[in-house]
Amino acid sequence: MPWELREHAGRYYAVLFHYALPDDAWSVELSEAVPAPARGAESPDAVVTHLPGAAFLMALVPDEDPDLEPTVHIHSHDEYVVPYEIMRWFMEQVTDQVERCRTAFEQAGPEAVE
């Protein structure tokens, strides 16, 4: 599952991408990143300082039915403040995923729809 990390005002945020099979959609999740556990020197080139935490925003991007719209789901029991720049970054990631899915669908052609 690929993910991207961004720092803003001393806090780290992560966007995680994975395929949500039950939804037939790509999931793009925003979370506050958590510090990575300390690791030994077995891989000095791969320095990972933070990992994705629990998602508080999730966008589902359908990739099998062009008539289905992407949706954004909020997962939080408490109020959570998302900085504007982080929200823009997240929505840019969602927009890019929507474009990739629609391009792939168009390239597959109408015979891919049953």
PDB file of N, CA and C in Angstrom:
ATOM      1  N   MET A   1       0.829  -1.165   0.000  1.00  0.00           N
ATOM      2  CA  MET A   1       0.000   0.000   0.000  1.00  0.00           C
ATOM      3  C   MET A   1       0.886   1.246   0.000  1.00  0.00           C
ATOM      4  N   PRO A   2       0.909   1.930  -1.090  1.00  0.00           N
ATOM      5  CA  PRO A   2       1.738   3.143  -1.119  1.00  0.00           C
ATOM      6  C   PRO A   2       1.124   4.268  -0.287  1.00  0.00           C
ATOM      7  N   TRP A   3       1.989   5.104   0.216  1.00  0.00           N
ATOM      8  CA  TRP A   3       1.525   6.254   0.972  1.00  0.00           C
ATOM      9  C   TRP A   3       2.515   7.392   0.813  1.00  0.00           C
ATOM     10  N   GLU A   4       2.008   8.608   1.079  1.00  0.00           N
ATOM     11  CA  GLU A   4       2.825   9.808   1.004  1.00  0.00           C
ATOM     12  C   GLU A   4       2.728  10.537   2.335  1.00  0.00           C
ATOM     13  N   LEU A   5       3.794  11.245   2.663  1.00  0.00           N
ATOM     14  CA  LEU A   5       3.889  11.939   3.932  1.00  0.00           C
ATOM     15  C   LEU A   5       4.087  13.424   3.688  1.00  0.00           C
ATOM     16  N   ARG A   6       3.479  14.251   4.538  1.00  0.00           N
ATOM     17  CA  ARG A   6       3.664  15.704   4.444  1.00  0.00           C
ATOM     18  C   ARG A   6       3.699  16.278   5.855  1.00  0.00           C
ATOM     19  N   GLU A   7       4.617  17.222   6.059  1.00  0.00           N
ATOM     20  CA  GLU A   7       4.737  17.910   7.343  1.00  0.00           C
ATOM     21  C   GLU A   7       4.096  19.280   7.216  1.00  0.00           C
ATOM     22  N   HIS A   8       3.367  19.680   8.238  1.00  0.00           N
ATOM     23  CA  HIS A   8       2.752  21.011   8.254  1.00  0.00           C
ATOM     24  C   HIS A   8       2.719  21.493   9.709  1.00  0.00           C
ATOM     25  N   ALA A   9       3.358  22.619   9.958  1.00  0.00           N
ATOM     26  CA  ALA A   9       3.374  23.244  11.282  1.00  0.00           C
ATOM     27  C   ALA A   9       3.799  22.271  12.381  1.00  0.00           C
ATOM     28  N   GLY A  10       4.807  21.448  12.077  1.00  0.00           N
ATOM     29  CA  GLY A  10       5.337  20.530  13.076  1.00  0.00           C
ATOM     30  C   GLY A  10       4.580  19.228  13.239  1.00  0.00           C
ATOM     31  N   ARG A  11       3.510  19.026  12.480  1.00  0.00           N
ATOM     32  CA  ARG A  11       2.744  17.776  12.526  1.00  0.00           C
ATOM     33  C   ARG A  11       2.909  17.070  11.189  1.00  0.00           C
ATOM     34  N   TYR A  12       2.813  15.772  11.230  1.00  0.00           N
ATOM     35  CA  TYR A  12       2.949  14.976  10.013  1.00  0.00           C
ATOM     36  C   TYR A  12       1.608  14.347   9.658  1.00  0.00           C
ATOM     37  N   TYR A  13       1.313  14.362   8.371  1.00  0.00           N
ATOM     38  CA  TYR A  13       0.079  13.784   7.847  1.00  0.00           C
ATOM     39  C   TYR A  13       0.452  12.781   6.760  1.00  0.00           C
ATOM     40  N   ALA A  14      -0.386  11.782   6.578  1.00  0.00           N
ATOM     41  CA  ALA A  14      -0.137  10.761   5.569  1.00  0.00           C
ATOM     42  C   ALA A  14      -1.375  10.570   4.717  1.00  0.00           C
ATOM     43  N   VAL A  15      -1.143  10.293   3.431  1.00  0.00           N
ATOM     44  CA  VAL A  15      -2.209   9.876   2.519  1.00  0.00           C
ATOM     45  C   VAL A  15      -1.844   8.460   2.080  1.00  0.00           C
ATOM     46  N   LEU A  16      -2.739   7.541   2.336  1.00  0.00           N
ATOM     47  CA  LEU A  16      -2.543   6.127   2.037  1.00  0.00           C
ATOM     48  C   LEU A  16      -3.484   5.727   0.916  1.00  0.00           C
ATOM     49  N   PHE A  17      -2.981   4.947  -0.035  1.00  0.00           N
ATOM     50  CA  PHE A  17      -3.770   4.470  -1.168  1.00  0.00           C
ATOM     51  C   PHE A  17      -3.891   2.949  -1.083  1.00  0.00           C
ATOM     52  N   HIS A  18      -5.098   2.432  -1.216  1.00  0.00           N
ATOM     53  CA  HIS A  18      -5.268   0.977  -1.323  1.00  0.00           C
ATOM     54  C   HIS A  18      -6.594   0.688  -2.021  1.00  0.00           C
ATOM     55  N   TYR A  19      -6.722  -0.533  -2.517  1.00  0.00           N
ATOM     56  CA  TYR A  19      -7.953  -0.905  -3.199  1.00  0.00           C
ATOM     57  C   TYR A  19      -8.919  -1.508  -2.189  1.00  0.00           C
ATOM     58  N   ALA A  20     -10.132  -0.967  -2.138  1.00  0.00           N
ATOM     59  CA  ALA A  20     -11.185  -1.455  -1.248  1.00  0.00           C
ATOM     60  C   ALA A  20     -12.070  -2.405  -2.053  1.00  0.00           C
ATOM     61  N   LEU A  21     -11.747  -3.667  -2.032  1.00  0.00           N
ATOM     62  CA  LEU A  21     -12.436  -4.665  -2.852  1.00  0.00           C
ATOM     63  C   LEU A  21     -13.953  -4.697  -2.634  1.00  0.00           C
ATOM     64  N   PRO A  22     -14.450  -4.635  -1.389  1.00  0.00           N
ATOM     65  CA  PRO A  22     -15.919  -4.673  -1.220  1.00  0.00           C
ATOM     66  C   PRO A  22     -16.632  -3.501  -1.898  1.00  0.00           C
ATOM     67  N   ASP A  23     -15.927  -2.371  -2.047  1.00  0.00           N
ATOM     68  CA  ASP A  23     -16.524  -1.182  -2.652  1.00  0.00           C
ATOM     69  C   ASP A  23     -16.212  -1.047  -4.136  1.00  0.00           C
ATOM     70  N   ASP A  24     -15.389  -1.949  -4.681  1.00  0.00           N
ATOM     71  CA  ASP A  24     -14.916  -1.830  -6.067  1.00  0.00           C
ATOM     72  C   ASP A  24     -14.418  -0.412  -6.318  1.00  0.00           C
ATOM     73  N   ALA A  25     -13.551   0.052  -5.419  1.00  0.00           N
ATOM     74  CA  ALA A  25     -13.078   1.426  -5.503  1.00  0.00           C
ATOM     75  C   ALA A  25     -11.697   1.552  -4.866  1.00  0.00           C
ATOM     76  N   TRP A  26     -10.983   2.575  -5.304  1.00  0.00           N
ATOM     77  CA  TRP A  26      -9.731   2.938  -4.656  1.00  0.00           C
ATOM     78  C   TRP A  26     -10.051   3.776  -3.440  1.00  0.00           C
ATOM     79  N   SER A  27      -9.363   3.497  -2.365  1.00  0.00           N
ATOM     80  CA  SER A  27      -9.520   4.263  -1.140  1.00  0.00           C
ATOM     81  C   SER A  27      -8.298   5.160  -0.978  1.00  0.00           C
ATOM     82  N   VAL A  28      -8.557   6.440  -0.768  1.00  0.00           N
ATOM     83  CA  VAL A  28      -7.502   7.413  -0.507  1.00  0.00           C
ATOM     84  C   VAL A  28      -7.784   7.933   0.895  1.00  0.00           C
ATOM     85  N   GLU A  29      -6.877   7.661   1.844  1.00  0.00           N
ATOM     86  CA  GLU A  29      -7.148   7.948   3.250  1.00  0.00           C
ATOM     87  C   GLU A  29      -6.173   8.993   3.799  1.00  0.00           C
ATOM     88  N   LEU A  30      -6.703   9.950   4.537  1.00  0.00           N
ATOM     89  CA  LEU A  30      -5.891  10.963   5.202  1.00  0.00           C
ATOM     90  C   LEU A  30      -5.852  10.661   6.691  1.00  0.00           C
ATOM     91  N   SER A  31      -4.639  10.699   7.254  1.00  0.00           N
ATOM     92  CA  SER A  31      -4.470  10.485   8.685  1.00  0.00           C
ATOM     93  C   SER A  31      -3.351  11.364   9.204  1.00  0.00           C
ATOM     94  N   GLU A  32      -3.328  11.525  10.503  1.00  0.00           N
ATOM     95  CA  GLU A  32      -2.156  12.138  11.117  1.00  0.00           C
ATOM     96  C   GLU A  32      -1.147  11.001  11.245  1.00  0.00           C
ATOM     97  N   ALA A  33       0.060  11.236  10.773  1.00  0.00           N
ATOM     98  CA  ALA A  33       1.080  10.195  10.800  1.00  0.00           C
ATOM     99  C   ALA A  33       1.588  10.001  12.227  1.00  0.00           C
ATOM    100  N   VAL A  34       2.002   8.785  12.504  1.00  0.00           N
ATOM    101  CA  VAL A  34       2.546   8.441  13.818  1.00  0.00           C
ATOM    102  C   VAL A  34       4.019   8.101  13.667  1.00  0.00           C
ATOM    103  N   PRO A  35       4.809   8.337  14.711  1.00  0.00           N
ATOM    104  CA  PRO A  35       6.230   8.008  14.620  1.00  0.00           C
ATOM    105  C   PRO A  35       6.429   6.517  14.335  1.00  0.00           C
ATOM    106  N   ALA A  36       7.367   6.229  13.463  1.00  0.00           N
ATOM    107  CA  ALA A  36       7.677   4.837  13.134  1.00  0.00           C
ATOM    108  C   ALA A  36       8.443   4.213  14.290  1.00  0.00           C
ATOM    109  N   PRO A  37       8.252   2.922  14.518  1.00  0.00           N
ATOM    110  CA  PRO A  37       9.020   2.267  15.578  1.00  0.00           C
ATOM    111  C   PRO A  37      10.508   2.281  15.232  1.00  0.00           C
ATOM    112  N   ALA A  38      11.339   2.336  16.247  1.00  0.00           N
ATOM    113  CA  ALA A  38      12.784   2.316  16.026  1.00  0.00           C
ATOM    114  C   ALA A  38      13.177   0.976  15.419  1.00  0.00           C
ATOM    115  N   ARG A  39      14.058   1.054  14.424  1.00  0.00           N
ATOM    116  CA  ARG A  39      14.517  -0.171  13.753  1.00  0.00           C
ATOM    117  C   ARG A  39      16.019  -0.247  13.859  1.00  0.00           C
ATOM    118  N   GLY A  40      16.530  -1.421  13.702  1.00  0.00           N
ATOM    119  CA  GLY A  40      17.971  -1.635  13.730  1.00  0.00           C
ATOM    120  C   GLY A  40      18.622  -1.108  12.462  1.00  0.00           C
ATOM    121  N   ALA A  41      19.871  -1.373  12.300  1.00  0.00           N
ATOM    122  CA  ALA A  41      20.644  -0.866  11.162  1.00  0.00           C
ATOM    123  C   ALA A  41      20.588  -1.812   9.970  1.00  0.00           C
ATOM    124  N   GLU A  42      19.561  -2.694   9.928  1.00  0.00           N
ATOM    125  CA  GLU A  42      19.496  -3.651   8.811  1.00  0.00           C
ATOM    126  C   GLU A  42      19.235  -2.985   7.472  1.00  0.00           C
ATOM    127  N   SER A  43      18.661  -1.800   7.475  1.00  0.00           N
ATOM    128  CA  SER A  43      18.370  -1.112   6.222  1.00  0.00           C
ATOM    129  C   SER A  43      18.631   0.391   6.403  1.00  0.00           C
ATOM    130  N   PRO A  44      19.890   0.802   6.381  1.00  0.00           N
ATOM    131  CA  PRO A  44      20.184   2.216   6.645  1.00  0.00           C
ATOM    132  C   PRO A  44      19.691   3.160   5.558  1.00  0.00           C
ATOM    133  N   ASP A  45      19.442   2.672   4.341  1.00  0.00           N
ATOM    134  CA  ASP A  45      18.978   3.528   3.254  1.00  0.00           C
ATOM    135  C   ASP A  45      17.491   3.845   3.358  1.00  0.00           C
ATOM    136  N   ALA A  46      16.737   2.982   3.981  1.00  0.00           N
ATOM    137  CA  ALA A  46      15.281   3.159   4.077  1.00  0.00           C
ATOM    138  C   ALA A  46      14.937   3.758   5.437  1.00  0.00           C
ATOM    139  N   VAL A  47      15.058   5.056   5.545  1.00  0.00           N
ATOM    140  CA  VAL A  47      14.750   5.733   6.802  1.00  0.00           C
ATOM    141  C   VAL A  47      13.292   6.182   6.763  1.00  0.00           C
ATOM    142  N   VAL A  48      12.484   5.549   7.568  1.00  0.00           N
ATOM    143  CA  VAL A  48      11.072   5.892   7.672  1.00  0.00           C
ATOM    144  C   VAL A  48      10.870   6.478   9.061  1.00  0.00           C
ATOM    145  N   THR A  49      10.485   7.738   9.114  1.00  0.00           N
ATOM    146  CA  THR A  49      10.313   8.386  10.406  1.00  0.00           C
ATOM    147  C   THR A  49       8.869   8.332  10.892  1.00  0.00           C
ATOM    148  N   HIS A  50       7.910   8.296   9.958  1.00  0.00           N
ATOM    149  CA  HIS A  50       6.495   8.288  10.320  1.00  0.00           C
ATOM    150  C   HIS A  50       5.732   7.314   9.424  1.00  0.00           C
ATOM    151  N   LEU A  51       4.643   6.798   9.967  1.00  0.00           N
ATOM    152  CA  LEU A  51       3.758   5.886   9.236  1.00  0.00           C
ATOM    153  C   LEU A  51       2.331   6.422   9.302  1.00  0.00           C
ATOM    154  N   PRO A  52       1.476   6.014   8.360  1.00  0.00           N
ATOM    155  CA  PRO A  52       0.077   6.449   8.427  1.00  0.00           C
ATOM    156  C   PRO A  52      -0.574   5.996   9.730  1.00  0.00           C
ATOM    157  N   GLY A  53      -1.387   6.859  10.307  1.00  0.00           N
ATOM    158  CA  GLY A  53      -2.148   6.512  11.505  1.00  0.00           C
ATOM    159  C   GLY A  53      -3.566   6.124  11.108  1.00  0.00           C
ATOM    160  N   ALA A  54      -4.467   6.222  12.060  1.00  0.00           N
ATOM    161  CA  ALA A  54      -5.881   5.905  11.795  1.00  0.00           C
ATOM    162  C   ALA A  54      -6.478   6.991  10.904  1.00  0.00           C
ATOM    163  N   ALA A  55      -7.129   6.579   9.838  1.00  0.00           N
ATOM    164  CA  ALA A  55      -7.700   7.528   8.873  1.00  0.00           C
ATOM    165  C   ALA A  55      -8.863   8.288   9.485  1.00  0.00           C
ATOM    166  N   PHE A  56      -8.897   9.605   9.239  1.00  0.00           N
ATOM    167  CA  PHE A  56     -10.048  10.395   9.654  1.00  0.00           C
ATOM    168  C   PHE A  56     -10.817  10.944   8.463  1.00  0.00           C
ATOM    169  N   LEU A  57     -10.233  10.908   7.278  1.00  0.00           N
ATOM    170  CA  LEU A  57     -10.930  11.225   6.031  1.00  0.00           C
ATOM    171  C   LEU A  57     -10.615  10.118   5.042  1.00  0.00           C
ATOM    172  N   MET A  58     -11.633   9.672   4.316  1.00  0.00           N
ATOM    173  CA  MET A  58     -11.423   8.627   3.321  1.00  0.00           C
ATOM    174  C   MET A  58     -12.250   8.965   2.091  1.00  0.00           C
ATOM    175  N   ALA A  59     -11.599   8.948   0.941  1.00  0.00           N
ATOM    176  CA  ALA A  59     -12.305   9.127  -0.324  1.00  0.00           C
ATOM    177  C   ALA A  59     -12.354   7.779  -1.022  1.00  0.00           C
ATOM    178  N   LEU A  60     -13.526   7.406  -1.502  1.00  0.00           N
ATOM    179  CA  LEU A  60     -13.676   6.202  -2.310  1.00  0.00           C
ATOM    180  C   LEU A  60     -13.837   6.629  -3.762  1.00  0.00           C
ATOM    181  N   VAL A  61     -12.963   6.087  -4.606  1.00  0.00           N
ATOM    182  CA  VAL A  61     -12.951   6.438  -6.028  1.00  0.00           C
ATOM    183  C   VAL A  61     -13.301   5.182  -6.824  1.00  0.00           C
ATOM    184  N   PRO A  62     -14.557   5.052  -7.280  1.00  0.00           N
ATOM    185  CA  PRO A  62     -14.962   3.876  -8.048  1.00  0.00           C
ATOM    186  C   PRO A  62     -14.153   3.763  -9.340  1.00  0.00           C
ATOM    187  N   ASP A  63     -13.777   2.546  -9.680  1.00  0.00           N
ATOM    188  CA  ASP A  63     -13.000   2.363 -10.913  1.00  0.00           C
ATOM    189  C   ASP A  63     -13.646   1.391 -11.885  1.00  0.00           C
ATOM    190  N   GLU A  64     -14.840   0.874 -11.555  1.00  0.00           N
ATOM    191  CA  GLU A  64     -15.473  -0.084 -12.450  1.00  0.00           C
ATOM    192  C   GLU A  64     -16.776   0.421 -13.061  1.00  0.00           C
ATOM    193  N   ASP A  65     -17.343   1.479 -12.520  1.00  0.00           N
ATOM    194  CA  ASP A  65     -18.588   2.023 -13.036  1.00  0.00           C
ATOM    195  C   ASP A  65     -18.433   3.536 -13.177  1.00  0.00           C
ATOM    196  N   PRO A  66     -18.351   4.029 -14.409  1.00  0.00           N
ATOM    197  CA  PRO A  66     -18.116   5.467 -14.606  1.00  0.00           C
ATOM    198  C   PRO A  66     -19.283   6.342 -14.146  1.00  0.00           C
ATOM    199  N   ASP A  67     -20.438   5.746 -13.886  1.00  0.00           N
ATOM    200  CA  ASP A  67     -21.593   6.519 -13.425  1.00  0.00           C
ATOM    201  C   ASP A  67     -21.562   6.779 -11.916  1.00  0.00           C
ATOM    202  N   LEU A  68     -20.711   6.057 -11.199  1.00  0.00           N
ATOM    203  CA  LEU A  68     -20.609   6.261  -9.756  1.00  0.00           C
ATOM    204  C   LEU A  68     -19.660   7.414  -9.467  1.00  0.00           C
ATOM    205  N   GLU A  69     -20.072   8.295  -8.567  1.00  0.00           N
ATOM    206  CA  GLU A  69     -19.268   9.456  -8.193  1.00  0.00           C
ATOM    207  C   GLU A  69     -18.336   9.101  -7.031  1.00  0.00           C
ATOM    208  N   PRO A  70     -17.169   9.698  -6.998  1.00  0.00           N
ATOM    209  CA  PRO A  70     -16.321   9.553  -5.808  1.00  0.00           C
ATOM    210  C   PRO A  70     -17.027  10.174  -4.600  1.00  0.00           C
ATOM    211  N   THR A  71     -16.758   9.631  -3.431  1.00  0.00           N
ATOM    212  CA  THR A  71     -17.349  10.138  -2.202  1.00  0.00           C
ATOM    213  C   THR A  71     -16.269  10.334  -1.147  1.00  0.00           C
ATOM    214  N   VAL A  72     -16.508  11.246  -0.213  1.00  0.00           N
ATOM    215  CA  VAL A  72     -15.586  11.471   0.897  1.00  0.00           C
ATOM    216  C   VAL A  72     -16.326  11.126   2.184  1.00  0.00           C
ATOM    217  N   HIS A  73     -15.683  10.313   3.013  1.00  0.00           N
ATOM    218  CA  HIS A  73     -16.260   9.872   4.278  1.00  0.00           C
ATOM    219  C   HIS A  73     -15.419  10.435   5.422  1.00  0.00           C
ATOM    220  N   ILE A  74     -16.082  10.895   6.472  1.00  0.00           N
ATOM    221  CA  ILE A  74     -15.402  11.433   7.641  1.00  0.00           C
ATOM    222  C   ILE A  74     -15.490  10.381   8.746  1.00  0.00           C
ATOM    223  N   HIS A  75     -14.337  10.015   9.288  1.00  0.00           N
ATOM    224  CA  HIS A  75     -14.267   9.017  10.355  1.00  0.00           C
ATOM    225  C   HIS A  75     -13.633   9.662  11.579  1.00  0.00           C
ATOM    226  N   SER A  76     -14.443  10.185  12.468  1.00  0.00           N
ATOM    227  CA  SER A  76     -13.903  10.790  13.680  1.00  0.00           C
ATOM    228  C   SER A  76     -15.014  10.908  14.708  1.00  0.00           C
ATOM    229  N   HIS A  77     -14.685  10.538  15.928  1.00  0.00           N
ATOM    230  CA  HIS A  77     -15.650  10.683  17.022  1.00  0.00           C
ATOM    231  C   HIS A  77     -15.533  12.061  17.658  1.00  0.00           C
ATOM    232  N   ASP A  78     -14.376  12.682  17.485  1.00  0.00           N
ATOM    233  CA  ASP A  78     -14.126  13.992  18.067  1.00  0.00           C
ATOM    234  C   ASP A  78     -13.930  15.014  16.958  1.00  0.00           C
ATOM    235  N   GLU A  79     -14.015  16.266  17.328  1.00  0.00           N
ATOM    236  CA  GLU A  79     -13.715  17.329  16.370  1.00  0.00           C
ATOM    237  C   GLU A  79     -12.241  17.250  16.012  1.00  0.00           C
ATOM    238  N   TYR A  80     -11.957  17.405  14.745  1.00  0.00           N
ATOM    239  CA  TYR A  80     -10.571  17.335  14.288  1.00  0.00           C
ATOM    240  C   TYR A  80     -10.334  18.490  13.329  1.00  0.00           C
ATOM    241  N   VAL A  81      -9.293  19.249  13.562  1.00  0.00           N
ATOM    242  CA  VAL A  81      -8.962  20.391  12.721  1.00  0.00           C
ATOM    243  C   VAL A  81      -7.957  19.942  11.662  1.00  0.00           C
ATOM    244  N   VAL A  82      -8.316  20.154  10.401  1.00  0.00           N
ATOM    245  CA  VAL A  82      -7.424  19.820   9.293  1.00  0.00           C
ATOM    246  C   VAL A  82      -6.949  21.134   8.681  1.00  0.00           C
ATOM    247  N   PRO A  83      -5.642  21.383   8.693  1.00  0.00           N
ATOM    248  CA  PRO A  83      -5.146  22.618   8.086  1.00  0.00           C
ATOM    249  C   PRO A  83      -5.520  22.692   6.601  1.00  0.00           C
ATOM    250  N   TYR A  84      -5.791  23.899   6.154  1.00  0.00           N
ATOM    251  CA  TYR A  84      -6.211  24.125   4.775  1.00  0.00           C
ATOM    252  C   TYR A  84      -5.232  23.508   3.771  1.00  0.00           C
ATOM    253  N   GLU A  85      -3.933  23.721   3.958  1.00  0.00           N
ATOM    254  CA  GLU A  85      -2.943  23.184   3.015  1.00  0.00           C
ATOM    255  C   GLU A  85      -2.963  21.657   2.976  1.00  0.00           C
ATOM    256  N   ILE A  86      -3.210  21.033   4.104  1.00  0.00           N
ATOM    257  CA  ILE A  86      -3.293  19.570   4.142  1.00  0.00           C
ATOM    258  C   ILE A  86      -4.554  19.094   3.434  1.00  0.00           C
ATOM    259  N   MET A  87      -5.669  19.808   3.637  1.00  0.00           N
ATOM    260  CA  MET A  87      -6.913  19.434   2.942  1.00  0.00           C
ATOM    261  C   MET A  87      -6.744  19.572   1.436  1.00  0.00           C
ATOM    262  N   ARG A  88      -6.104  20.654   0.992  1.00  0.00           N
ATOM    263  CA  ARG A  88      -5.842  20.835  -0.445  1.00  0.00           C
ATOM    264  C   ARG A  88      -4.980  19.701  -0.977  1.00  0.00           C
ATOM    265  N   TRP A  89      -3.932  19.356  -0.246  1.00  0.00           N
ATOM    266  CA  TRP A  89      -3.042  18.263  -0.650  1.00  0.00           C
ATOM    267  C   TRP A  89      -3.823  16.952  -0.765  1.00  0.00           C
ATOM    268  N   PHE A  90      -4.665  16.659   0.232  1.00  0.00           N
ATOM    269  CA  PHE A  90      -5.481  15.445   0.200  1.00  0.00           C
ATOM    270  C   PHE A  90      -6.406  15.445  -1.015  1.00  0.00           C
ATOM    271  N   MET A  91      -7.098  16.555  -1.254  1.00  0.00           N
ATOM    272  CA  MET A  91      -8.029  16.609  -2.378  1.00  0.00           C
ATOM    273  C   MET A  91      -7.297  16.544  -3.720  1.00  0.00           C
ATOM    274  N   GLU A  92      -6.077  17.055  -3.804  1.00  0.00           N
ATOM    275  CA  GLU A  92      -5.277  16.893  -5.023  1.00  0.00           C
ATOM    276  C   GLU A  92      -4.959  15.417  -5.254  1.00  0.00           C
ATOM    277  N   GLN A  93      -4.659  14.688  -4.185  1.00  0.00           N
ATOM    278  CA  GLN A  93      -4.391  13.248  -4.303  1.00  0.00           C
ATOM    279  C   GLN A  93      -5.653  12.514  -4.766  1.00  0.00           C
ATOM    280  N   VAL A  94      -6.802  12.911  -4.228  1.00  0.00           N
ATOM    281  CA  VAL A  94      -8.078  12.298  -4.635  1.00  0.00           C
ATOM    282  C   VAL A  94      -8.355  12.611  -6.106  1.00  0.00           C
ATOM    283  N   THR A  95      -8.165  13.862  -6.504  1.00  0.00           N
ATOM    284  CA  THR A  95      -8.395  14.273  -7.893  1.00  0.00           C
ATOM    285  C   THR A  95      -7.510  13.480  -8.845  1.00  0.00           C
ATOM    286  N   ASP A  96      -6.242  13.307  -8.484  1.00  0.00           N
ATOM    287  CA  ASP A  96      -5.326  12.523  -9.321  1.00  0.00           C
ATOM    288  C   ASP A  96      -5.810  11.079  -9.450  1.00  0.00           C
ATOM    289  N   GLN A  97      -6.308  10.506  -8.350  1.00  0.00           N
ATOM    290  CA  GLN A  97      -6.803   9.124  -8.399  1.00  0.00           C
ATOM    291  C   GLN A  97      -8.046   9.029  -9.266  1.00  0.00           C
ATOM    292  N   VAL A  98      -8.945  10.003  -9.179  1.00  0.00           N
ATOM    293  CA  VAL A  98     -10.140  10.032 -10.029  1.00  0.00           C
ATOM    294  C   VAL A  98      -9.728  10.066 -11.498  1.00  0.00           C
ATOM    295  N   GLU A  99      -8.788  10.927 -11.838  1.00  0.00           N
ATOM    296  CA  GLU A  99      -8.327  11.034 -13.230  1.00  0.00           C
ATOM    297  C   GLU A  99      -7.691   9.731 -13.713  1.00  0.00           C
ATOM    298  N   ARG A 100      -6.885   9.074 -12.849  1.00  0.00           N
ATOM    299  CA  ARG A 100      -6.276   7.793 -13.241  1.00  0.00           C
ATOM    300  C   ARG A 100      -7.346   6.736 -13.500  1.00  0.00           C
ATOM    301  N   CYS A 101      -8.347   6.674 -12.631  1.00  0.00           N
ATOM    302  CA  CYS A 101      -9.407   5.674 -12.796  1.00  0.00           C
ATOM    303  C   CYS A 101     -10.235   5.938 -14.054  1.00  0.00           C
ATOM    304  N   ARG A 102     -10.569   7.188 -14.294  1.00  0.00           N
ATOM    305  CA  ARG A 102     -11.375   7.510 -15.480  1.00  0.00           C
ATOM    306  C   ARG A 102     -10.588   7.273 -16.762  1.00  0.00           C
ATOM    307  N   THR A 103      -9.300   7.599 -16.755  1.00  0.00           N
ATOM    308  CA  THR A 103      -8.455   7.346 -17.930  1.00  0.00           C
ATOM    309  C   THR A 103      -8.369   5.849 -18.191  1.00  0.00           C
ATOM    310  N   ALA A 104      -8.169   5.070 -17.150  1.00  0.00           N
ATOM    311  CA  ALA A 104      -8.084   3.614 -17.308  1.00  0.00           C
ATOM    312  C   ALA A 104      -9.393   3.052 -17.832  1.00  0.00           C
ATOM    313  N   PHE A 105     -10.517   3.569 -17.345  1.00  0.00           N
ATOM    314  CA  PHE A 105     -11.812   3.092 -17.805  1.00  0.00           C
ATOM    315  C   PHE A 105     -12.009   3.417 -19.285  1.00  0.00           C
ATOM    316  N   GLU A 106     -11.651   4.639 -19.683  1.00  0.00           N
ATOM    317  CA  GLU A 106     -11.784   5.042 -21.087  1.00  0.00           C
ATOM    318  C   GLU A 106     -10.894   4.203 -21.992  1.00  0.00           C
ATOM    319  N   GLN A 107      -9.710   3.871 -21.524  1.00  0.00           N
ATOM    320  CA  GLN A 107      -8.797   3.080 -22.343  1.00  0.00           C
ATOM    321  C   GLN A 107      -9.262   1.632 -22.468  1.00  0.00           C
ATOM    322  N   ALA A 108     -10.008   1.164 -21.466  1.00  0.00           N
ATOM    323  CA  ALA A 108     -10.523  -0.202 -21.516  1.00  0.00           C
ATOM    324  C   ALA A 108     -11.629  -0.335 -22.559  1.00  0.00           C
ATOM    325  N   GLY A 109     -12.329   0.776 -22.832  1.00  0.00           N
ATOM    326  CA  GLY A 109     -13.365   0.762 -23.864  1.00  0.00           C
ATOM    327  C   GLY A 109     -14.702   0.262 -23.364  1.00  0.00           C
ATOM    328  N   PRO A 110     -15.749   0.453 -24.155  1.00  0.00           N
ATOM    329  CA  PRO A 110     -17.105   0.075 -23.730  1.00  0.00           C
ATOM    330  C   PRO A 110     -17.294  -1.432 -23.603  1.00  0.00           C
ATOM    331  N   GLU A 111     -16.448  -2.226 -24.248  1.00  0.00           N
ATOM    332  CA  GLU A 111     -16.595  -3.691 -24.129  1.00  0.00           C
ATOM    333  C   GLU A 111     -16.260  -4.192 -22.739  1.00  0.00           C
ATOM    334  N   ALA A 112     -15.578  -3.363 -21.921  1.00  0.00           N
ATOM    335  CA  ALA A 112     -15.247  -3.762 -20.556  1.00  0.00           C
ATOM    336  C   ALA A 112     -16.474  -3.701 -19.648  1.00  0.00           C
ATOM    337  N   VAL A 113     -17.522  -2.990 -20.028  1.00  0.00           N
ATOM    338  CA  VAL A 113     -18.742  -2.872 -19.231  1.00  0.00           C
ATOM    339  C   VAL A 113     -19.714  -3.950 -19.652  1.00  0.00           C
ATOM    340  N   GLU A 114     -20.230  -4.691 -18.682  1.00  0.00           N
ATOM    341  CA  GLU A 114     -21.212  -5.736 -19.003  1.00  0.00           C
ATOM    342  C   GLU A 114     -22.535  -5.432 -18.384  1.00  0.00           C
TER     343      GLU A 114
END
